[in-house]
Amino acid sequence: MLPLEPTDDLAQPAFKDAASCTQWLSQLQLTNLNLAHGTLRKQLDELNRCPIKGSDRLQTLEVLRETIAVVQNDFAKKLIGKKLPLADDEFLLLLSLSSLWQSMLNGYLRCLQSVEMGDKALAAQTALLCQRCVQYSSLQIGDFLRAGCEPDGKTWQQLHSLYAHIESLGLQNETVRDERYYAGHPVTCRTLYAKTLLMHRARLLGLSRSHWHIAERWLSLWGDAITIEPRCSISKDDAPPLGVDLAGTHALFRARPDLATASMRYLAMVPLSKLIRVKTILLQQGQAPQQVDLGSELSSKEGVALLNQLHACWCEARPDSMADVPRDSSITHLCIGLEQIYAQIARRPFKPVKDTAKASQDAQRQIETFGRVLDDTGQHAYKELGFVPEEWMVEEDSLIRAHLLRKANVGERLAHQQLVSVFAPNSTTHKLGFTTLVNVTRTGHLYIGLRYLPGQPQAVTVRGNADSELLRSGSAPALLLPAMEKLNIPASLVLPRDWFKAGRTLEMAIADDGKQSVTLGFSVEKGSDFERVSFAPVAAGKAN
């Protein structure tokens, strides 16, 4: 059992049984979310300190569950889309979420403690108490994962210790019906524990929020295909088992015979692999996702793609990620954001101009006088202005994707689908891409996944007048991605957000290549700080 603080006769919660709790909740104002959250936490902690009958405690906790779930869900929305690493106030919010789940967990642990001290009235509810404990410990971890942060070792140790205790009671496979768990679907502690471990492993896939929830639901329904055993066998052609140390502070890792100890447990992945493959084949043969119990949110094509992603993550042999097992690797440079990328490629920072013709004349005069174009601030080194790339370690870097770990645990914050460029040290060849995954490791380093855009980017300046308040006007840095004729990929422009409108005419200035008017076509893809769009040159005499 996890240790708990002793109860205190001086504790004075606002409620001590289900009836008084129901009345108190009816008066709780939820319009002020921060106040409601703090009040719930304070009263729950007082209840946990108060020495009351185990049955009263359990019934009161059950009454609190729905309100706390609603408040926590609304509270967690404040972290959606935040850049990583989280700012101090955002991280405190995450800790507040975790603390309220911990308070719920402590309440159910009190009930388990009562059972072990001989409370016969609660003895029949032991399986339910175990399920609730694992659930609230898992919810703590889930909030960290959805926020893009790695839970600390103490949080993992708590979950592992809980499961080890439940194993010692022989209740890990007991089913419990929970109206708050996927419409009352029967669930075991083993399923909850395995789901938490596997979803942690899937965090590096960069799943969207909707795909994350779908994968969680699938695992909840696939509990019979997941076993957790003290021994494992490894066959060459089968899905390799995954291991977890119940005495440790980490999640799943590749199972190895030399790591066998009494506290080791293994997830046999062969049954889950077969289940995923069967469902994939049925979708490919034309069955609808609903027909194979996958829900109605995804099309068959989307379902196949997600199943393949999950199968590769859980059931196929692969090296440990640098996010879990840091190691030495080659170094690459990375720039974040359109303006910094422009500065690196153009070798000078961007300066807004109203008259591009005058800017071209100024540049020509600088070449004649100094033999080069001076940067727009009079400084001779754009690095002095803060346009310094960060050093990142390379886990994977292919033509279309990359996975990188930042060398330092400080640096610029990054968001999902944010524009970046990657280039080797002392190289002028850039690969332009955007983040598909942003995750903070336990050591505070950023780990990212990237998808590259096609073509070698070229720095350009765009200028245009806006006919709508939704569009930006003036001038802005942009990037030109040239056509790749062999791959049948036309040229495209990477613009700042709020610059695109189909049919809009912009003036595009290219260094050493003059300027031209272009008409924007359609949006190819959109990120958090950029939009890649098609364009066509405006015929002479037709420019606005």
Protein backbone atom coordinates (compact mmCIF):
# COMPACT_ATOMS: atom_id res chain seq x y z
CA MET A 1 0.00 0.00 0.00
CA LEU A 2 1.13 3.53 -0.71
CA PRO A 3 1.82 5.50 2.48
CA LEU A 4 -0.79 8.03 3.60
CA GLU A 5 -0.69 10.86 6.12
CA PRO A 6 -2.56 10.05 9.35
CA THR A 7 -6.10 11.35 9.78
CA ASP A 8 -6.75 14.36 11.98
CA ASP A 9 -9.72 14.87 14.31
CA LEU A 10 -9.40 18.62 13.70
CA ALA A 11 -10.22 18.28 9.98
CA GLN A 12 -13.46 20.07 9.12
CA PRO A 13 -14.65 19.26 5.58
CA ALA A 14 -17.86 20.86 4.31
CA PHE A 15 -19.35 17.36 3.95
CA LYS A 16 -18.82 13.97 5.58
CA ASP A 17 -21.26 11.72 3.72
CA ALA A 18 -22.97 11.37 0.36
CA ALA A 19 -26.09 13.36 1.33
CA SER A 20 -24.23 16.40 2.62
CA CYS A 21 -21.83 16.20 -0.33
CA THR A 22 -24.73 16.22 -2.80
CA GLN A 23 -26.20 19.29 -1.10
CA TRP A 24 -22.81 21.06 -1.07
CA LEU A 25 -22.24 20.37 -4.76
CA SER A 26 -25.67 21.82 -5.62
CA GLN A 27 -24.45 25.16 -4.22
CA LEU A 28 -20.97 25.08 -5.80
CA GLN A 29 -20.55 27.85 -8.38
CA LEU A 30 -18.82 26.54 -11.50
CA THR A 31 -18.82 29.84 -13.40
CA ASN A 32 -15.46 30.78 -11.84
CA LEU A 33 -13.42 27.77 -12.89
CA ASN A 34 -10.28 28.62 -10.92
CA LEU A 35 -12.25 29.17 -7.73
CA ALA A 36 -14.29 25.99 -8.21
CA HIS A 37 -11.13 23.97 -8.85
CA GLY A 38 -9.39 25.31 -5.75
CA THR A 39 -12.48 24.81 -3.58
CA LEU A 40 -12.88 21.20 -4.67
CA ARG A 41 -9.24 20.48 -3.97
CA LYS A 42 -9.40 22.10 -0.52
CA GLN A 43 -12.55 20.26 0.55
CA LEU A 44 -11.38 16.93 -0.83
CA ASP A 45 -8.11 17.21 1.05
CA GLU A 46 -10.03 18.02 4.24
CA LEU A 47 -12.24 14.98 3.66
CA ASN A 48 -9.13 12.81 3.20
CA ARG A 49 -7.77 14.05 6.55
CA CYS A 50 -11.04 13.46 8.36
CA PRO A 51 -11.50 10.13 10.22
CA ILE A 52 -14.88 8.88 8.94
CA LYS A 53 -16.38 5.47 8.22
CA GLY A 54 -15.02 3.79 5.11
CA SER A 55 -18.46 3.32 3.56
CA ASP A 56 -19.28 7.02 4.02
CA ARG A 57 -15.96 7.97 2.46
CA LEU A 58 -16.51 5.74 -0.57
CA GLN A 59 -20.06 6.96 -1.19
CA THR A 60 -18.91 10.59 -0.89
CA LEU A 61 -16.07 10.07 -3.37
CA GLU A 62 -18.49 8.45 -5.80
CA VAL A 63 -20.76 11.50 -5.58
CA LEU A 64 -17.79 13.81 -6.27
CA ARG A 65 -16.56 11.98 -9.37
CA GLU A 66 -18.79 13.57 -12.00
CA THR A 67 -18.30 17.17 -10.88
CA ILE A 68 -14.55 16.75 -10.56
CA ALA A 69 -14.36 15.16 -14.02
CA VAL A 70 -16.25 18.11 -15.56
CA VAL A 71 -14.10 20.72 -13.78
CA GLN A 72 -10.86 18.92 -14.63
CA ASN A 73 -11.85 18.60 -18.29
CA ASP A 74 -12.60 22.32 -18.55
CA PHE A 75 -9.45 23.20 -16.61
CA ALA A 76 -7.30 21.05 -18.93
CA LYS A 77 -8.57 22.96 -21.99
CA LYS A 78 -6.41 25.88 -20.88
CA LEU A 79 -3.34 23.87 -21.91
CA ILE A 80 -4.52 22.99 -25.43
CA GLY A 81 -2.15 24.27 -28.10
CA LYS A 82 0.40 25.76 -25.70
CA LYS A 83 4.00 26.01 -26.84
CA LEU A 84 6.54 23.79 -25.12
CA PRO A 85 8.21 23.84 -22.71
CA LEU A 86 5.26 25.24 -20.79
CA ALA A 87 5.60 28.67 -19.22
CA ASP A 88 5.77 28.73 -15.42
CA ASP A 89 2.09 29.63 -14.98
CA GLU A 90 1.05 26.95 -17.46
CA PHE A 91 3.12 24.31 -15.68
CA LEU A 92 1.55 25.31 -12.37
CA LEU A 93 -1.84 24.76 -13.99
CA LEU A 94 -0.75 21.27 -15.03
CA LEU A 95 0.39 20.57 -11.48
CA SER A 96 -3.00 21.75 -10.20
CA LEU A 97 -4.72 19.24 -12.50
CA SER A 98 -2.44 16.49 -11.25
CA SER A 99 -2.98 17.47 -7.62
CA LEU A 100 -6.76 17.14 -7.81
CA TRP A 101 -6.46 13.67 -9.37
CA GLN A 102 -4.02 12.82 -6.58
CA SER A 103 -6.56 13.96 -4.00
CA MET A 104 -9.16 11.62 -5.51
CA LEU A 105 -6.60 8.81 -5.51
CA ASN A 106 -5.75 9.47 -1.86
CA GLY A 107 -9.44 9.22 -0.98
CA TYR A 108 -9.79 5.77 -2.51
CA LEU A 109 -6.49 4.71 -0.95
CA ARG A 110 -8.02 5.65 2.42
CA CYS A 111 -10.86 3.26 1.63
CA LEU A 112 -8.42 0.49 0.72
CA GLN A 113 -6.61 1.19 3.95
CA SER A 114 -9.89 0.70 5.82
CA VAL A 115 -10.39 -2.69 4.14
CA GLU A 116 -6.92 -3.81 5.15
CA MET A 117 -7.63 -2.70 8.72
CA GLY A 118 -10.65 -5.00 8.84
CA ASP A 119 -13.57 -2.89 7.52
CA LYS A 120 -15.93 -5.73 6.54
CA ALA A 121 -18.53 -3.36 5.10
CA LEU A 122 -16.05 -2.29 2.39
CA ALA A 123 -14.45 -5.68 1.75
CA ALA A 124 -16.90 -6.51 -1.06
CA GLN A 125 -15.86 -3.27 -2.83
CA THR A 126 -12.13 -4.04 -2.93
CA ALA A 127 -12.02 -4.65 -6.70
CA LEU A 128 -13.85 -1.37 -7.33
CA LEU A 129 -11.47 0.50 -5.02
CA CYS A 130 -8.48 -0.94 -6.87
CA GLN A 131 -9.96 0.08 -10.22
CA ARG A 132 -10.58 3.63 -9.01
CA CYS A 133 -7.01 3.92 -7.69
CA VAL A 134 -5.45 2.84 -10.97
CA GLN A 135 -7.83 5.07 -12.91
CA TYR A 136 -6.94 8.25 -11.01
CA SER A 137 -3.24 7.48 -11.10
CA SER A 138 -3.59 6.95 -14.87
CA LEU A 139 -5.48 10.22 -15.27
CA GLN A 140 -2.53 12.04 -13.73
CA ILE A 141 -0.20 10.57 -16.31
CA GLY A 142 -2.67 11.16 -19.14
CA ASP A 143 -2.87 14.90 -18.44
CA PHE A 144 0.91 15.19 -18.58
CA LEU A 145 1.05 13.28 -21.86
CA ARG A 146 -1.68 15.36 -23.50
CA ALA A 147 0.16 18.51 -22.42
CA GLY A 148 3.30 17.18 -24.13
CA CYS A 149 5.24 16.62 -20.89
CA GLU A 150 6.89 13.48 -19.54
CA PRO A 151 5.60 12.47 -16.07
CA ASP A 152 8.30 12.35 -13.42
CA GLY A 153 9.66 9.18 -11.88
CA LYS A 154 7.60 9.55 -8.69
CA THR A 155 4.35 9.53 -10.68
CA TRP A 156 5.36 6.36 -12.54
CA GLN A 157 6.55 4.73 -9.33
CA GLN A 158 3.15 5.40 -7.76
CA LEU A 159 1.31 3.69 -10.63
CA HIS A 160 3.68 0.72 -10.66
CA SER A 161 3.41 0.28 -6.88
CA LEU A 162 -0.37 0.39 -7.10
CA TYR A 163 -0.43 -2.32 -9.73
CA ALA A 164 2.04 -4.45 -7.77
CA HIS A 165 -0.21 -4.19 -4.70
CA ILE A 166 -3.29 -5.11 -6.73
CA GLU A 167 -1.40 -8.10 -8.11
CA SER A 168 -0.59 -9.18 -4.54
CA LEU A 169 -4.34 -9.13 -3.82
CA GLY A 170 -4.98 -11.19 -6.96
CA LEU A 171 -7.48 -8.59 -8.28
CA GLN A 172 -5.73 -7.36 -11.44
CA ASN A 173 -8.09 -9.33 -13.70
CA GLU A 174 -11.34 -8.63 -11.82
CA THR A 175 -13.83 -6.75 -14.00
CA VAL A 176 -15.55 -3.64 -12.67
CA ARG A 177 -18.41 -1.74 -14.28
CA ASP A 178 -17.84 1.99 -14.20
CA GLU A 179 -20.48 4.34 -15.59
CA ARG A 180 -17.76 6.96 -16.18
CA TYR A 181 -15.61 4.56 -18.21
CA TYR A 182 -16.77 4.25 -21.83
CA ALA A 183 -20.49 3.90 -21.11
CA GLY A 184 -20.02 1.38 -18.33
CA HIS A 185 -17.88 -1.05 -20.34
CA PRO A 186 -16.41 -3.65 -17.94
CA VAL A 187 -12.77 -2.93 -17.20
CA THR A 188 -9.95 -4.53 -15.24
CA CYS A 189 -6.98 -2.96 -13.50
CA ARG A 190 -4.76 -4.84 -15.94
CA THR A 191 -6.46 -3.16 -18.90
CA LEU A 192 -6.22 0.30 -17.31
CA TYR A 193 -2.56 -0.20 -16.46
CA ALA A 194 -1.63 -1.57 -19.89
CA LYS A 195 -3.57 1.20 -21.64
CA THR A 196 -1.64 3.85 -19.70
CA LEU A 197 1.69 2.25 -20.58
CA LEU A 198 0.85 1.84 -24.26
CA MET A 199 -0.54 5.37 -24.66
CA HIS A 200 2.67 6.70 -23.15
CA ARG A 201 4.59 4.77 -25.80
CA ALA A 202 2.29 6.23 -28.49
CA ARG A 203 2.97 9.82 -27.39
CA LEU A 204 5.87 10.00 -29.86
CA LEU A 205 3.56 9.37 -32.83
CA GLY A 206 2.33 12.97 -32.67
CA LEU A 207 -1.32 11.89 -32.71
CA SER A 208 -3.98 14.59 -33.00
CA ARG A 209 -6.25 15.01 -29.98
CA SER A 210 -9.08 13.17 -31.74
CA HIS A 211 -6.80 10.27 -32.76
CA TRP A 212 -5.42 10.13 -29.22
CA HIS A 213 -8.91 9.68 -27.75
CA ILE A 214 -9.80 7.08 -30.42
CA ALA A 215 -6.66 5.05 -29.65
CA GLU A 216 -7.46 5.21 -25.92
CA ARG A 217 -10.96 3.91 -26.55
CA TRP A 218 -9.71 1.09 -28.75
CA LEU A 219 -7.28 -0.07 -26.06
CA SER A 220 -10.05 0.07 -23.49
CA LEU A 221 -12.08 -2.35 -25.62
CA TRP A 222 -9.11 -4.58 -26.48
CA GLY A 223 -8.27 -5.50 -22.89
CA ASP A 224 -8.62 -9.24 -23.55
CA ALA A 225 -5.80 -9.04 -26.12
CA ILE A 226 -3.31 -7.66 -23.58
CA THR A 227 -1.66 -9.81 -20.93
CA ILE A 228 0.87 -8.82 -18.26
CA GLU A 229 3.04 -11.69 -17.07
CA PRO A 230 6.19 -12.15 -14.94
CA ARG A 231 7.90 -14.11 -17.76
CA CYS A 232 8.09 -13.79 -21.52
CA SER A 233 9.30 -15.60 -24.58
CA ILE A 234 10.84 -13.87 -27.57
CA SER A 235 10.35 -15.41 -31.02
CA LYS A 236 12.10 -14.09 -34.07
CA ASP A 237 9.06 -13.54 -36.27
CA ASP A 238 6.54 -12.52 -33.61
CA ALA A 239 5.74 -9.12 -32.21
CA PRO A 240 8.38 -8.59 -29.49
CA PRO A 241 7.15 -8.26 -25.90
CA LEU A 242 7.51 -5.01 -23.98
CA GLY A 243 8.78 -4.83 -20.42
CA VAL A 244 8.06 -2.70 -17.36
CA ASP A 245 9.74 -2.74 -13.95
CA LEU A 246 7.18 -2.53 -11.14
CA ALA A 247 9.96 -1.34 -8.83
CA GLY A 248 11.16 1.26 -11.31
CA THR A 249 10.40 4.83 -12.30
CA HIS A 250 9.96 4.47 -16.07
CA ALA A 251 7.34 3.20 -18.51
CA LEU A 252 7.65 0.48 -21.16
CA PHE A 253 10.91 -0.54 -22.79
CA ARG A 254 12.09 -3.28 -25.12
CA ALA A 255 12.16 -6.60 -23.26
CA ARG A 256 15.58 -8.19 -22.85
CA PRO A 257 16.37 -11.51 -21.14
CA ASP A 258 19.30 -10.00 -19.20
CA LEU A 259 16.94 -7.57 -17.43
CA ALA A 260 14.82 -10.29 -15.80
CA THR A 261 14.10 -9.60 -12.11
CA ALA A 262 11.28 -10.46 -9.72
CA SER A 263 9.72 -7.03 -10.28
CA MET A 264 9.76 -7.25 -14.09
CA ARG A 265 6.49 -7.69 -15.98
CA TYR A 266 5.99 -8.25 -19.68
CA LEU A 267 3.24 -7.28 -22.10
CA ALA A 268 2.86 -10.01 -24.70
CA MET A 269 2.18 -8.12 -27.93
CA VAL A 270 1.41 -11.04 -30.26
CA PRO A 271 -2.35 -11.15 -29.49
CA LEU A 272 -2.66 -7.36 -29.90
CA SER A 273 -0.65 -7.50 -33.11
CA LYS A 274 -2.96 -10.14 -34.57
CA LEU A 275 -6.07 -8.18 -33.54
CA ILE A 276 -4.80 -4.97 -35.18
CA ARG A 277 -3.78 -6.78 -38.36
CA VAL A 278 -7.15 -8.50 -38.67
CA LYS A 279 -9.02 -5.22 -38.30
CA THR A 280 -6.70 -3.58 -40.83
CA ILE A 281 -7.33 -6.34 -43.38
CA LEU A 282 -11.09 -6.15 -42.89
CA LEU A 283 -11.04 -2.39 -43.51
CA GLN A 284 -8.92 -2.88 -46.62
CA GLN A 285 -11.43 -5.45 -47.86
CA GLY A 286 -14.22 -2.88 -47.72
CA GLN A 287 -15.79 -3.24 -44.29
CA ALA A 288 -16.77 -0.01 -42.53
CA PRO A 289 -15.04 0.93 -39.25
CA GLN A 290 -18.34 0.44 -37.37
CA GLN A 291 -18.53 -3.15 -38.64
CA VAL A 292 -15.19 -3.98 -37.00
CA ASP A 293 -15.93 -2.14 -33.72
CA LEU A 294 -13.71 0.87 -34.46
CA GLY A 295 -16.36 3.57 -34.12
CA SER A 296 -17.67 6.05 -36.65
CA GLU A 297 -15.19 8.94 -36.34
CA LEU A 298 -12.78 7.71 -39.03
CA SER A 299 -13.14 6.66 -42.64
CA SER A 300 -11.79 3.24 -43.61
CA LYS A 301 -8.67 4.84 -45.10
CA GLU A 302 -8.06 6.90 -41.94
CA GLY A 303 -8.69 3.85 -39.79
CA VAL A 304 -6.10 1.80 -41.70
CA ALA A 305 -3.56 4.61 -41.36
CA LEU A 306 -4.06 4.91 -37.59
CA LEU A 307 -4.01 1.13 -37.06
CA ASN A 308 -0.74 0.90 -38.99
CA GLN A 309 0.77 3.70 -36.92
CA LEU A 310 -0.19 2.03 -33.66
CA HIS A 311 0.97 -1.39 -34.81
CA ALA A 312 4.39 -0.02 -35.74
CA CYS A 313 4.64 1.71 -32.35
CA TRP A 314 3.51 -1.18 -30.16
CA CYS A 315 4.14 -4.39 -32.05
CA GLU A 316 7.22 -3.90 -34.24
CA ALA A 317 10.85 -3.97 -33.16
CA ARG A 318 12.47 -0.55 -33.19
CA PRO A 319 15.33 1.19 -31.36
CA ASP A 320 14.57 3.07 -28.18
CA SER A 321 13.83 6.71 -28.83
CA MET A 322 16.26 9.40 -27.73
CA ALA A 323 13.30 10.90 -25.85
CA ASP A 324 13.50 7.87 -23.53
CA VAL A 325 17.15 6.84 -23.81
CA PRO A 326 19.40 9.85 -24.58
CA ARG A 327 22.59 9.08 -26.49
CA ASP A 328 25.27 10.81 -28.54
CA SER A 329 24.46 11.52 -32.15
CA SER A 330 25.30 13.85 -35.01
CA ILE A 331 24.40 17.53 -34.64
CA THR A 332 22.24 19.63 -36.92
CA HIS A 333 21.14 23.25 -36.75
CA LEU A 334 17.53 24.34 -36.51
CA CYS A 335 15.81 27.70 -36.98
CA ILE A 336 12.31 28.39 -35.71
CA GLY A 337 9.79 30.66 -37.39
CA LEU A 338 9.56 32.35 -40.76
CA GLU A 339 11.50 35.49 -39.89
CA GLN A 340 14.48 33.63 -38.45
CA ILE A 341 14.51 31.16 -41.35
CA TYR A 342 14.39 34.07 -43.80
CA ALA A 343 17.36 35.70 -42.02
CA GLN A 344 19.42 32.50 -42.16
CA ILE A 345 18.78 31.90 -45.85
CA ALA A 346 19.04 35.53 -46.96
CA ARG A 347 22.03 36.12 -44.63
CA ARG A 348 20.39 39.26 -43.32
CA PRO A 349 17.33 40.01 -41.20
CA PHE A 350 14.04 41.01 -42.77
CA LYS A 351 13.08 44.67 -42.65
CA PRO A 352 9.61 45.77 -43.76
CA VAL A 353 9.70 48.10 -46.77
CA LYS A 354 7.02 50.19 -48.36
CA ASP A 355 8.79 50.67 -51.67
CA THR A 356 10.46 47.56 -53.03
CA ALA A 357 11.84 49.50 -55.99
CA LYS A 358 13.68 51.84 -53.62
CA ALA A 359 14.90 48.87 -51.59
CA SER A 360 16.37 47.33 -54.75
CA GLN A 361 18.08 50.63 -55.59
CA ASP A 362 19.52 50.83 -52.04
CA ALA A 363 20.81 47.28 -52.32
CA GLN A 364 22.50 48.07 -55.66
CA ARG A 365 24.19 51.14 -54.17
CA GLN A 366 25.46 49.06 -51.23
CA ILE A 367 26.94 46.50 -53.62
CA GLU A 368 28.68 49.27 -55.60
CA THR A 369 30.02 50.89 -52.42
CA PHE A 370 30.78 47.95 -50.08
CA GLY A 371 30.84 45.01 -52.45
CA ARG A 372 27.85 43.41 -50.67
CA VAL A 373 24.39 44.18 -49.29
CA LEU A 374 24.55 45.44 -45.71
CA ASP A 375 22.02 44.15 -43.24
CA ASP A 376 19.12 46.45 -42.46
CA THR A 377 20.33 47.54 -39.01
CA GLY A 378 23.86 48.53 -39.95
CA GLN A 379 25.29 45.49 -38.15
CA HIS A 380 27.70 43.34 -40.15
CA ALA A 381 26.72 40.00 -38.61
CA TYR A 382 23.09 38.96 -38.44
CA LYS A 383 24.05 36.56 -35.65
CA GLU A 384 24.63 39.59 -33.46
CA LEU A 385 20.92 40.35 -33.83
CA GLY A 386 19.87 37.08 -32.21
CA PHE A 387 19.40 35.03 -35.39
CA VAL A 388 21.44 32.14 -34.04
CA PRO A 389 20.33 28.59 -34.88
CA GLU A 390 19.93 26.01 -32.13
CA GLU A 391 21.90 22.77 -31.95
CA TRP A 392 19.82 19.60 -32.09
CA MET A 393 20.83 15.94 -31.98
CA VAL A 394 19.64 13.74 -34.83
CA GLU A 395 17.69 10.55 -34.15
CA GLU A 396 16.32 10.27 -37.69
CA ASP A 397 16.64 12.53 -40.71
CA SER A 398 15.26 11.35 -44.06
CA LEU A 399 13.95 13.07 -47.17
CA ILE A 400 10.46 13.50 -45.77
CA ARG A 401 10.71 13.41 -41.95
CA ALA A 402 13.01 13.83 -38.99
CA HIS A 403 13.14 13.24 -35.23
CA LEU A 404 15.43 15.51 -33.24
CA LEU A 405 16.37 16.12 -29.59
CA ARG A 406 17.49 19.59 -28.54
CA LYS A 407 21.04 19.51 -27.19
CA ALA A 408 20.39 22.10 -24.48
CA ASN A 409 17.42 22.08 -22.12
CA VAL A 410 16.83 25.79 -22.73
CA GLY A 411 15.83 27.56 -25.91
CA GLU A 412 12.90 28.85 -27.89
CA ARG A 413 9.46 27.36 -27.22
CA LEU A 414 7.86 25.32 -29.98
CA ALA A 415 4.27 24.60 -30.95
CA HIS A 416 2.65 21.85 -32.96
CA GLN A 417 2.75 22.54 -36.73
CA GLN A 418 5.26 25.36 -36.38
CA LEU A 419 7.61 26.21 -39.25
CA VAL A 420 11.30 25.30 -38.88
CA SER A 421 14.34 24.83 -41.09
CA VAL A 422 17.08 22.26 -40.59
CA PHE A 423 20.61 22.56 -41.97
CA ALA A 424 23.97 20.99 -41.27
CA PRO A 425 26.64 23.11 -39.55
CA ASN A 426 28.57 25.25 -42.05
CA SER A 427 26.00 24.48 -44.74
CA THR A 428 23.74 26.84 -46.67
CA THR A 429 21.38 24.07 -47.78
CA HIS A 430 18.16 24.20 -45.78
CA LYS A 431 15.35 21.69 -45.40
CA LEU A 432 12.07 23.41 -44.61
CA GLY A 433 9.48 21.62 -42.52
CA PHE A 434 7.01 21.85 -39.68
CA THR A 435 6.63 20.12 -36.35
CA THR A 436 4.32 17.11 -36.20
CA LEU A 437 5.31 16.29 -32.60
CA VAL A 438 6.61 18.37 -29.71
CA ASN A 439 7.41 16.64 -26.43
CA VAL A 440 9.31 17.59 -23.27
CA THR A 441 11.50 14.81 -21.91
CA ARG A 442 12.02 14.13 -18.22
CA THR A 443 15.30 16.07 -18.35
CA GLY A 444 13.53 19.12 -19.79
CA HIS A 445 14.87 18.73 -23.34
CA LEU A 446 12.58 19.17 -26.32
CA TYR A 447 12.05 16.18 -28.62
CA ILE A 448 10.35 16.93 -31.94
CA GLY A 449 9.10 15.18 -35.04
CA LEU A 450 9.19 17.02 -38.37
CA ARG A 451 7.67 16.63 -41.81
CA TYR A 452 9.64 18.29 -44.57
CA LEU A 453 8.17 20.40 -47.35
CA PRO A 454 9.42 19.66 -50.89
CA GLY A 455 12.15 21.79 -52.41
CA GLN A 456 15.08 23.96 -51.37
CA PRO A 457 13.64 27.18 -49.86
CA GLN A 458 14.62 30.57 -51.22
CA ALA A 459 14.15 33.80 -49.23
CA VAL A 460 11.73 36.28 -50.83
CA THR A 461 9.80 39.35 -49.76
CA VAL A 462 6.12 39.74 -50.48
CA ARG A 463 4.14 42.96 -50.50
CA GLY A 464 0.42 43.55 -50.90
CA ASN A 465 -2.55 45.66 -49.93
CA ALA A 466 -5.36 44.06 -47.94
CA ASP A 467 -9.00 44.42 -48.93
CA SER A 468 -10.15 42.79 -45.68
CA GLU A 469 -9.42 43.19 -41.97
CA LEU A 470 -8.70 39.45 -41.89
CA LEU A 471 -5.69 39.90 -44.18
CA ARG A 472 -2.37 41.52 -43.42
CA SER A 473 -0.90 44.16 -45.70
CA GLY A 474 2.46 45.83 -46.21
CA SER A 475 5.50 43.60 -46.64
CA ALA A 476 6.56 40.34 -45.02
CA PRO A 477 9.27 37.67 -45.23
CA ALA A 478 8.30 34.59 -47.23
CA LEU A 479 9.91 31.49 -48.72
CA LEU A 480 9.75 30.24 -52.28
CA LEU A 481 9.76 26.48 -52.82
CA PRO A 482 10.71 25.84 -56.46
CA ALA A 483 8.95 23.40 -58.74
CA MET A 484 10.15 19.80 -58.70
CA GLU A 485 9.25 18.74 -62.22
CA LYS A 486 10.39 15.11 -61.92
CA LEU A 487 8.00 14.64 -59.00
CA ASN A 488 5.25 16.72 -60.63
CA ILE A 489 5.28 19.19 -57.71
CA PRO A 490 4.64 22.82 -58.74
CA ALA A 491 6.30 25.79 -57.08
CA SER A 492 4.70 27.17 -53.95
CA LEU A 493 5.02 30.07 -51.52
CA VAL A 494 5.29 29.81 -47.73
CA LEU A 495 3.60 32.88 -46.29
CA PRO A 496 2.88 34.10 -42.76
CA ARG A 497 -0.59 33.29 -41.49
CA ASP A 498 -3.33 35.76 -42.45
CA TRP A 499 -1.69 36.58 -45.79
CA PHE A 500 -3.51 34.10 -48.00
CA LYS A 501 -6.66 34.69 -49.99
CA ALA A 502 -7.45 32.86 -53.21
CA GLY A 503 -7.00 35.24 -56.15
CA ARG A 504 -5.02 37.81 -54.15
CA THR A 505 -2.22 39.55 -56.05
CA LEU A 506 1.13 40.05 -54.30
CA GLU A 507 4.39 41.60 -55.37
CA MET A 508 7.21 39.09 -54.80
CA ALA A 509 10.81 40.31 -54.62
CA ILE A 510 13.62 37.80 -55.07
CA ALA A 511 17.19 38.75 -54.21
CA ASP A 512 19.28 39.41 -57.34
CA ASP A 513 16.26 38.51 -59.47
CA GLY A 514 14.04 41.59 -59.36
CA LYS A 515 10.37 41.46 -58.55
CA GLN A 516 7.23 40.04 -60.10
CA SER A 517 3.50 40.06 -59.44
CA VAL A 518 1.88 36.74 -58.57
CA THR A 519 -1.70 35.62 -58.05
CA LEU A 520 -2.34 33.25 -55.15
CA GLY A 521 -4.16 30.03 -56.00
CA PHE A 522 -5.16 27.62 -53.21
CA SER A 523 -3.93 26.69 -49.76
CA VAL A 524 -1.78 23.53 -49.88
CA GLU A 525 -1.30 23.21 -46.12
CA LYS A 526 -1.59 25.39 -43.06
CA GLY A 527 0.43 25.42 -39.85
CA SER A 528 0.30 27.38 -36.64
CA ASP A 529 2.45 30.22 -38.02
CA PHE A 530 2.55 29.69 -41.79
CA GLU A 531 0.53 28.76 -44.85
CA ARG A 532 1.92 27.07 -47.95
CA VAL A 533 0.03 28.21 -51.07
CA SER A 534 0.08 27.78 -54.83
CA PHE A 535 0.62 30.77 -57.08
CA ALA A 536 0.91 31.82 -60.72
CA PRO A 537 2.83 34.74 -62.25
CA VAL A 538 0.69 37.65 -63.41
CA ALA A 539 1.05 38.26 -67.12
CA ALA A 540 2.75 41.54 -68.07
CA GLY A 541 0.27 44.39 -68.17
CA LYS A 542 -2.25 42.64 -65.90
CA ALA A 543 -0.68 43.37 -62.50
CA ASN A 544 -2.66 45.58 -60.14
